[in-house]
């Protein structure tokens, strides 16, 4: 019998190569197998580019597909015309006779239609296979499609005595808590999410860039929550290095004209406004980097899915208390002088029933 679990894991390993590059699209990997031999493989490399199934079948070449070959893909092949033609039609045209899928695509334009189209063409369709694990790897896309909000990852660094920063503050700059290796890892995390969010106090105190300058990878869209309009117009988050969206109560004319502005009503919940704007733009994930008030607001509202907390060595003595999180840590990572704990929200609607002990990736 074919080792479905093994080949589906290979699809997932390939799929993660597209993290941060496929934009609002899902991460998908695909392999073509004959017996225990890998014939070809591919993955969705970039937003608007060929899908994984196309990459895989192109890699195999134009020779006839062996009748006993099996095509594995971790997400149901699409059956609609988006930025590219339907993958289900290509699979049918190439004469593939057996397809194994990891999970059905919840996207309304696809959901079940790709499977049905292949079955109607006489293709044997097996699956879902390893559905929970496929769900975990696809959690950003699935949260957005199924719950109409982005997947939310909270991140903060805390001193050894439990503070986000040290008081008094003498200048407008980032106070380093973590070491160089952790800082580079954070920039890698940024490259994997579509947007990054901070509050006005973080901009006022730290003047951060919120880019991926320490690693190779795309910088996320910068979201700035500043209801009172207090952030200086010359702050780094308003430069043109990467797109930014300002959420504020009254439109500002003093910042760069290229900066998008979303107005928040006096009685509006700012998180709901951010979620709405993100969903309208097909922003599937947000990394929330602070400050304390904003992080605590997400925690109190239970509007988060993961949290990543960096424990540094410095002692501050006095400062802004770090948020308290009571979810169970699913993994602890030591990286040079720092310790990082990863948390999963047991009440996250996108992760209910998912085993968090599957492989983490970042």
Foldseek 3Di string as FASTA:
>chain_A
DDPLVVVLVVFLVQQCQQFLFQFLDFRKKKFKDARPDTQFIAIDRHHLDDHGLVRGVVRNPLDQRPARIEMEMAEQFACPDDSHHTSLVVCLVSPHAEYEYQDYDLQVRGGPPSVVVNVVSNHHYHDNDPNLVSLVSRLLNCCCRVVVFAAEEEEAEAEQVFARDFPPADDQAHDDFDDPVVVLVVLVVQSRFQEEEEEQVNCRRHLDQQASVSDDHGGHEYEYEYAPPPHDQPRNNQDVPDAYEYEYADDDPSHDPRHHYDHDHPPHDVVVSVRNVCSVVSRRYYYYYDDQVVVVVCVVVVVHFKYKYKYGHDDRPDHHGHDDDDADFQDWDDDVRIIITMGGRCPPPSNPPRDPNPDDDD
